[in-house]
């Protein structure tokens, strides 16, 4: 997996907390941010799945049978 450099802007309080946690754990700030984003994206995946299920249960969306999908592929 490659690495991409990003510049971010954080509120001062959040940046200071990041600095404290990184120092306490002996980890790089970039590594902590990457871990936090990974956890957050997992959380968002769950929220998206729940919302899709809700729309399906409410009849606001339809399922496409697997046979149709495979046929298109």
PDB file of N, CA and C in Angstrom:
ATOM      1  N   UNK A   1       0.844  -1.166   0.000  1.00  0.00           N
ATOM      2  CA  UNK A   1       0.000   0.000   0.000  1.00  0.00           C
ATOM      3  C   UNK A   1       0.892   1.232   0.000  1.00  0.00           C
ATOM      4  N   UNK A   2       0.587   2.167  -0.861  1.00  0.00           N
ATOM      5  CA  UNK A   2       1.359   3.397  -0.930  1.00  0.00           C
ATOM      6  C   UNK A   2       0.982   4.376   0.165  1.00  0.00           C
ATOM      7  N   UNK A   3       1.760   5.414   0.240  1.00  0.00           N
ATOM      8  CA  UNK A   3       1.529   6.461   1.230  1.00  0.00           C
ATOM      9  C   UNK A   3       1.321   7.769   0.484  1.00  0.00           C
ATOM     10  N   UNK A   4       0.372   8.552   0.938  1.00  0.00           N
ATOM     11  CA  UNK A   4       0.106   9.854   0.336  1.00  0.00           C
ATOM     12  C   UNK A   4       0.160  10.913   1.425  1.00  0.00           C
ATOM     13  N   UNK A   5       0.917  11.941   1.189  1.00  0.00           N
ATOM     14  CA  UNK A   5       1.065  13.029   2.159  1.00  0.00           C
ATOM     15  C   UNK A   5      -0.124  13.975   2.023  1.00  0.00           C
ATOM     16  N   UNK A   6      -0.710  14.337   3.167  1.00  0.00           N
ATOM     17  CA  UNK A   6      -1.821  15.276   3.213  1.00  0.00           C
ATOM     18  C   UNK A   6      -1.520  16.370   4.223  1.00  0.00           C
ATOM     19  N   UNK A   7      -2.021  17.538   3.975  1.00  0.00           N
ATOM     20  CA  UNK A   7      -1.973  18.623   4.958  1.00  0.00           C
ATOM     21  C   UNK A   7      -3.381  18.787   5.494  1.00  0.00           C
ATOM     22  N   UNK A   8      -3.524  18.802   6.819  1.00  0.00           N
ATOM     23  CA  UNK A   8      -4.848  18.964   7.408  1.00  0.00           C
ATOM     24  C   UNK A   8      -4.826  20.130   8.388  1.00  0.00           C
ATOM     25  N   UNK A   9      -5.998  20.643   8.642  1.00  0.00           N
ATOM     26  CA  UNK A   9      -6.161  21.707   9.623  1.00  0.00           C
ATOM     27  C   UNK A   9      -7.095  21.190  10.709  1.00  0.00           C
ATOM     28  N   UNK A  10      -6.662  21.323  11.968  1.00  0.00           N
ATOM     29  CA  UNK A  10      -7.463  20.876  13.100  1.00  0.00           C
ATOM     30  C   UNK A  10      -7.682  22.036  14.053  1.00  0.00           C
ATOM     31  N   UNK A  11      -8.781  21.964  14.780  1.00  0.00           N
ATOM     32  CA  UNK A  11      -8.973  22.939  15.843  1.00  0.00           C
ATOM     33  C   UNK A  11      -7.842  22.749  16.849  1.00  0.00           C
ATOM     34  N   UNK A  12      -7.435  23.826  17.460  1.00  0.00           N
ATOM     35  CA  UNK A  12      -6.279  23.802  18.348  1.00  0.00           C
ATOM     36  C   UNK A  12      -6.420  22.755  19.454  1.00  0.00           C
ATOM     37  N   UNK A  13      -7.586  22.682  20.071  1.00  0.00           N
ATOM     38  CA  UNK A  13      -7.803  21.728  21.164  1.00  0.00           C
ATOM     39  C   UNK A  13      -7.622  20.285  20.682  1.00  0.00           C
ATOM     40  N   UNK A  14      -8.143  19.992  19.503  1.00  0.00           N
ATOM     41  CA  UNK A  14      -8.014  18.649  18.951  1.00  0.00           C
ATOM     42  C   UNK A  14      -6.562  18.342  18.598  1.00  0.00           C
ATOM     43  N   UNK A  15      -5.869  19.310  18.041  1.00  0.00           N
ATOM     44  CA  UNK A  15      -4.451  19.133  17.697  1.00  0.00           C
ATOM     45  C   UNK A  15      -3.618  18.889  18.957  1.00  0.00           C
ATOM     46  N   UNK A  16      -3.935  19.601  20.023  1.00  0.00           N
ATOM     47  CA  UNK A  16      -3.202  19.416  21.279  1.00  0.00           C
ATOM     48  C   UNK A  16      -3.470  18.045  21.879  1.00  0.00           C
ATOM     49  N   UNK A  17      -4.724  17.595  21.789  1.00  0.00           N
ATOM     50  CA  UNK A  17      -5.047  16.256  22.303  1.00  0.00           C
ATOM     51  C   UNK A  17      -4.325  15.189  21.494  1.00  0.00           C
ATOM     52  N   UNK A  18      -4.276  15.358  20.186  1.00  0.00           N
ATOM     53  CA  UNK A  18      -3.553  14.434  19.324  1.00  0.00           C
ATOM     54  C   UNK A  18      -2.084  14.373  19.729  1.00  0.00           C
ATOM     55  N   UNK A  19      -1.502  15.536  19.964  1.00  0.00           N
ATOM     56  CA  UNK A  19      -0.104  15.612  20.380  1.00  0.00           C
ATOM     57  C   UNK A  19       0.117  14.870  21.700  1.00  0.00           C
ATOM     58  N   UNK A  20      -0.775  15.094  22.674  1.00  0.00           N
ATOM     59  CA  UNK A  20      -0.650  14.433  23.983  1.00  0.00           C
ATOM     60  C   UNK A  20      -0.772  12.912  23.867  1.00  0.00           C
ATOM     61  N   UNK A  21      -1.755  12.466  23.109  1.00  0.00           N
ATOM     62  CA  UNK A  21      -1.979  11.027  22.959  1.00  0.00           C
ATOM     63  C   UNK A  21      -0.805  10.385  22.226  1.00  0.00           C
ATOM     64  N   UNK A  22      -0.324  11.026  21.180  1.00  0.00           N
ATOM     65  CA  UNK A  22       0.809  10.491  20.428  1.00  0.00           C
ATOM     66  C   UNK A  22       2.029  10.346  21.328  1.00  0.00           C
ATOM     67  N   UNK A  23       2.274  11.356  22.131  1.00  0.00           N
ATOM     68  CA  UNK A  23       3.415  11.319  23.043  1.00  0.00           C
ATOM     69  C   UNK A  23       3.241  10.211  24.079  1.00  0.00           C
ATOM     70  N   UNK A  24       2.039  10.118  24.646  1.00  0.00           N
ATOM     71  CA  UNK A  24       1.751   9.100  25.672  1.00  0.00           C
ATOM     72  C   UNK A  24       1.924   7.683  25.131  1.00  0.00           C
ATOM     73  N   UNK A  25       1.473   7.459  23.913  1.00  0.00           N
ATOM     74  CA  UNK A  25       1.540   6.122  23.318  1.00  0.00           C
ATOM     75  C   UNK A  25       2.828   5.863  22.551  1.00  0.00           C
ATOM     76  N   UNK A  26       3.620   6.908  22.337  1.00  0.00           N
ATOM     77  CA  UNK A  26       4.849   6.750  21.577  1.00  0.00           C
ATOM     78  C   UNK A  26       4.594   6.441  20.113  1.00  0.00           C
ATOM     79  N   UNK A  27       3.518   7.003  19.580  1.00  0.00           N
ATOM     80  CA  UNK A  27       3.166   6.770  18.177  1.00  0.00           C
ATOM     81  C   UNK A  27       3.230   8.080  17.407  1.00  0.00           C
ATOM     82  N   UNK A  28       3.377   7.970  16.119  1.00  0.00           N
ATOM     83  CA  UNK A  28       3.350   9.149  15.267  1.00  0.00           C
ATOM     84  C   UNK A  28       1.915   9.640  15.150  1.00  0.00           C
ATOM     85  N   UNK A  29       1.768  10.943  15.054  1.00  0.00           N
ATOM     86  CA  UNK A  29       0.434  11.522  14.915  1.00  0.00           C
ATOM     87  C   UNK A  29      -0.257  11.013  13.649  1.00  0.00           C
ATOM     88  N   UNK A  30       0.500  10.885  12.587  1.00  0.00           N
ATOM     89  CA  UNK A  30      -0.095  10.415  11.335  1.00  0.00           C
ATOM     90  C   UNK A  30      -0.649   8.998  11.480  1.00  0.00           C
ATOM     91  N   UNK A  31       0.037   8.168  12.258  1.00  0.00           N
ATOM     92  CA  UNK A  31      -0.431   6.792  12.477  1.00  0.00           C
ATOM     93  C   UNK A  31      -1.723   6.789  13.297  1.00  0.00           C
ATOM     94  N   UNK A  32      -1.791   7.650  14.307  1.00  0.00           N
ATOM     95  CA  UNK A  32      -3.011   7.740  15.104  1.00  0.00           C
ATOM     96  C   UNK A  32      -4.183   8.232  14.270  1.00  0.00           C
ATOM     97  N   UNK A  33      -3.930   9.214  13.420  1.00  0.00           N
ATOM     98  CA  UNK A  33      -4.992   9.721  12.549  1.00  0.00           C
ATOM     99  C   UNK A  33      -5.462   8.632  11.599  1.00  0.00           C
ATOM    100  N   UNK A  34      -4.521   7.880  11.025  1.00  0.00           N
ATOM    101  CA  UNK A  34      -4.885   6.798  10.110  1.00  0.00           C
ATOM    102  C   UNK A  34      -5.737   5.748  10.825  1.00  0.00           C
ATOM    103  N   UNK A  35      -5.339   5.382  12.056  1.00  0.00           N
ATOM    104  CA  UNK A  35      -6.123   4.404  12.826  1.00  0.00           C
ATOM    105  C   UNK A  35      -7.522   4.943  13.123  1.00  0.00           C
ATOM    106  N   UNK A  36      -7.589   6.212  13.525  1.00  0.00           N
ATOM    107  CA  UNK A  36      -8.879   6.816  13.851  1.00  0.00           C
ATOM    108  C   UNK A  36      -9.792   6.832  12.621  1.00  0.00           C
ATOM    109  N   UNK A  37      -9.233   7.177  11.473  1.00  0.00           N
ATOM    110  CA  UNK A  37     -10.034   7.189  10.251  1.00  0.00           C
ATOM    111  C   UNK A  37     -10.504   5.798   9.882  1.00  0.00           C
ATOM    112  N   UNK A  38      -9.661   4.796  10.070  1.00  0.00           N
ATOM    113  CA  UNK A  38     -10.052   3.418   9.779  1.00  0.00           C
ATOM    114  C   UNK A  38     -11.241   3.007  10.635  1.00  0.00           C
ATOM    115  N   UNK A  39     -11.158   3.285  11.934  1.00  0.00           N
ATOM    116  CA  UNK A  39     -12.278   2.967  12.826  1.00  0.00           C
ATOM    117  C   UNK A  39     -13.534   3.737  12.426  1.00  0.00           C
ATOM    118  N   UNK A  40     -13.378   5.006  12.100  1.00  0.00           N
ATOM    119  CA  UNK A  40     -14.528   5.827  11.749  1.00  0.00           C
ATOM    120  C   UNK A  40     -15.169   5.355  10.453  1.00  0.00           C
ATOM    121  N   UNK A  41     -14.357   4.985   9.461  1.00  0.00           N
ATOM    122  CA  UNK A  41     -14.917   4.483   8.211  1.00  0.00           C
ATOM    123  C   UNK A  41     -15.657   3.168   8.428  1.00  0.00           C
ATOM    124  N   UNK A  42     -15.160   2.324   9.317  1.00  0.00           N
ATOM    125  CA  UNK A  42     -15.888   1.097   9.660  1.00  0.00           C
ATOM    126  C   UNK A  42     -17.246   1.444  10.261  1.00  0.00           C
ATOM    127  N   UNK A  43     -17.259   2.428  11.145  1.00  0.00           N
ATOM    128  CA  UNK A  43     -18.509   2.890  11.750  1.00  0.00           C
ATOM    129  C   UNK A  43     -19.463   3.410  10.668  1.00  0.00           C
ATOM    130  N   UNK A  44     -18.942   4.214   9.745  1.00  0.00           N
ATOM    131  CA  UNK A  44     -19.776   4.758   8.673  1.00  0.00           C
ATOM    132  C   UNK A  44     -20.321   3.655   7.775  1.00  0.00           C
ATOM    133  N   UNK A  45     -19.517   2.624   7.512  1.00  0.00           N
ATOM    134  CA  UNK A  45     -19.997   1.496   6.712  1.00  0.00           C
ATOM    135  C   UNK A  45     -21.223   0.866   7.373  1.00  0.00           C
ATOM    136  N   UNK A  46     -21.176   0.735   8.690  1.00  0.00           N
ATOM    137  CA  UNK A  46     -22.302   0.165   9.433  1.00  0.00           C
ATOM    138  C   UNK A  46     -23.519   1.078   9.315  1.00  0.00           C
ATOM    139  N   UNK A  47     -23.314   2.392   9.498  1.00  0.00           N
ATOM    140  CA  UNK A  47     -24.426   3.337   9.406  1.00  0.00           C
ATOM    141  C   UNK A  47     -25.043   3.325   8.009  1.00  0.00           C
ATOM    142  N   UNK A  48     -24.227   3.243   6.973  1.00  0.00           N
ATOM    143  CA  UNK A  48     -24.733   3.192   5.598  1.00  0.00           C
ATOM    144  C   UNK A  48     -25.535   1.920   5.383  1.00  0.00           C
ATOM    145  N   UNK A  49     -25.016   0.790   5.874  1.00  0.00           N
ATOM    146  CA  UNK A  49     -25.730  -0.486   5.726  1.00  0.00           C
ATOM    147  C   UNK A  49     -27.077  -0.430   6.450  1.00  0.00           C
ATOM    148  N   UNK A  50     -27.096   0.157   7.644  1.00  0.00           N
ATOM    149  CA  UNK A  50     -28.351   0.282   8.388  1.00  0.00           C
ATOM    150  C   UNK A  50     -29.352   1.148   7.643  1.00  0.00           C
ATOM    151  N   UNK A  51     -28.869   2.241   7.062  1.00  0.00           N
ATOM    152  CA  UNK A  51     -29.755   3.133   6.308  1.00  0.00           C
ATOM    153  C   UNK A  51     -30.293   2.440   5.059  1.00  0.00           C
ATOM    154  N   UNK A  52     -29.453   1.683   4.386  1.00  0.00           N
ATOM    155  CA  UNK A  52     -29.911   0.945   3.196  1.00  0.00           C
ATOM    156  C   UNK A  52     -30.945  -0.100   3.576  1.00  0.00           C
ATOM    157  N   UNK A  53     -30.726  -0.801   4.683  1.00  0.00           N
ATOM    158  CA  UNK A  53     -31.687  -1.797   5.150  1.00  0.00           C
ATOM    159  C   UNK A  53     -33.013  -1.131   5.505  1.00  0.00           C
ATOM    160  N   UNK A  54     -32.949   0.011   6.155  1.00  0.00           N
ATOM    161  CA  UNK A  54     -34.155   0.751   6.521  1.00  0.00           C
ATOM    162  C   UNK A  54     -34.953   1.128   5.272  1.00  0.00           C
ATOM    163  N   UNK A  55     -34.249   1.653   4.247  1.00  0.00           N
ATOM    164  CA  UNK A  55     -34.935   2.025   2.997  1.00  0.00           C
ATOM    165  C   UNK A  55     -35.546   0.815   2.329  1.00  0.00           C
ATOM    166  N   UNK A  56     -34.859  -0.325   2.402  1.00  0.00           N
ATOM    167  CA  UNK A  56     -35.389  -1.558   1.819  1.00  0.00           C
ATOM    168  C   UNK A  56     -36.641  -1.993   2.559  1.00  0.00           C
ATOM    169  N   UNK A  57     -36.601  -1.967   3.884  1.00  0.00           N
ATOM    170  CA  UNK A  57     -37.747  -2.375   4.691  1.00  0.00           C
ATOM    171  C   UNK A  57     -38.939  -1.450   4.502  1.00  0.00           C
ATOM    172  N   UNK A  58     -38.676  -0.180   4.228  1.00  0.00           N
ATOM    173  CA  UNK A  58     -39.740   0.788   3.999  1.00  0.00           C
ATOM    174  C   UNK A  58     -40.248   0.768   2.562  1.00  0.00           C
ATOM    175  N   UNK A  59     -39.649  -0.077   1.739  1.00  0.00           N
ATOM    176  CA  UNK A  59     -40.073  -0.186   0.345  1.00  0.00           C
ATOM    177  C   UNK A  59     -39.600   0.971  -0.520  1.00  0.00           C
ATOM    178  N   UNK A  60     -38.605   1.696  -0.069  1.00  0.00           N
ATOM    179  CA  UNK A  60     -38.093   2.839  -0.824  1.00  0.00           C
ATOM    180  C   UNK A  60     -37.000   2.443  -1.809  1.00  0.00           C
ATOM    181  N   UNK A  61     -36.602   1.198  -1.776  1.00  0.00           N
ATOM    182  CA  UNK A  61     -35.598   0.689  -2.706  1.00  0.00           C
ATOM    183  C   UNK A  61     -35.907  -0.776  -2.981  1.00  0.00           C
ATOM    184  N   UNK A  62     -35.380  -1.271  -4.064  1.00  0.00           N
ATOM    185  CA  UNK A  62     -35.642  -2.657  -4.455  1.00  0.00           C
ATOM    186  C   UNK A  62     -34.341  -3.437  -4.548  1.00  0.00           C
ATOM    187  N   UNK A  63     -34.456  -4.727  -4.327  1.00  0.00           N
ATOM    188  CA  UNK A  63     -33.313  -5.619  -4.508  1.00  0.00           C
ATOM    189  C   UNK A  63     -33.223  -6.041  -5.960  1.00  0.00           C
ATOM    190  N   UNK A  64     -32.025  -6.258  -6.420  1.00  0.00           N
ATOM    191  CA  UNK A  64     -31.803  -6.812  -7.756  1.00  0.00           C
ATOM    192  C   UNK A  64     -31.359  -8.256  -7.543  1.00  0.00           C
ATOM    193  N   UNK A  65     -32.108  -9.209  -8.098  1.00  0.00           N
ATOM    194  CA  UNK A  65     -31.725 -10.612  -7.914  1.00  0.00           C
ATOM    195  C   UNK A  65     -30.303 -10.874  -8.428  1.00  0.00           C
ATOM    196  N   UNK A  66     -29.591 -11.739  -7.725  1.00  0.00           N
ATOM    197  CA  UNK A  66     -28.206 -12.053  -8.084  1.00  0.00           C
ATOM    198  C   UNK A  66     -28.110 -12.563  -9.524  1.00  0.00           C
ATOM    199  N   UNK A  67     -29.105 -13.315  -9.956  1.00  0.00           N
ATOM    200  CA  UNK A  67     -29.080 -13.845 -11.318  1.00  0.00           C
ATOM    201  C   UNK A  67     -28.998 -12.718 -12.346  1.00  0.00           C
ATOM    202  N   UNK A  68     -29.722 -11.629 -12.106  1.00  0.00           N
ATOM    203  CA  UNK A  68     -29.698 -10.487 -13.021  1.00  0.00           C
ATOM    204  C   UNK A  68     -28.319  -9.820 -13.020  1.00  0.00           C
ATOM    205  N   UNK A  69     -27.750  -9.691 -11.829  1.00  0.00           N
ATOM    206  CA  UNK A  69     -26.424  -9.085 -11.726  1.00  0.00           C
ATOM    207  C   UNK A  69     -25.399  -9.917 -12.466  1.00  0.00           C
ATOM    208  N   UNK A  70     -25.407 -11.232 -12.222  1.00  0.00           N
ATOM    209  CA  UNK A  70     -24.448 -12.122 -12.885  1.00  0.00           C
ATOM    210  C   UNK A  70     -24.654 -12.130 -14.382  1.00  0.00           C
ATOM    211  N   UNK A  71     -25.901 -12.026 -14.827  1.00  0.00           N
ATOM    212  CA  UNK A  71     -26.210 -12.008 -16.243  1.00  0.00           C
ATOM    213  C   UNK A  71     -25.585 -10.767 -16.902  1.00  0.00           C
ATOM    214  N   UNK A  72     -25.663  -9.628 -16.204  1.00  0.00           N
ATOM    215  CA  UNK A  72     -25.082  -8.389 -16.732  1.00  0.00           C
ATOM    216  C   UNK A  72     -23.563  -8.460 -16.809  1.00  0.00           C
ATOM    217  N   UNK A  73     -22.976  -9.182 -15.848  1.00  0.00           N
ATOM    218  CA  UNK A  73     -21.510  -9.286 -15.839  1.00  0.00           C
ATOM    219  C   UNK A  73     -21.056 -10.194 -16.942  1.00  0.00           C
TER     220      UNK A  73
END
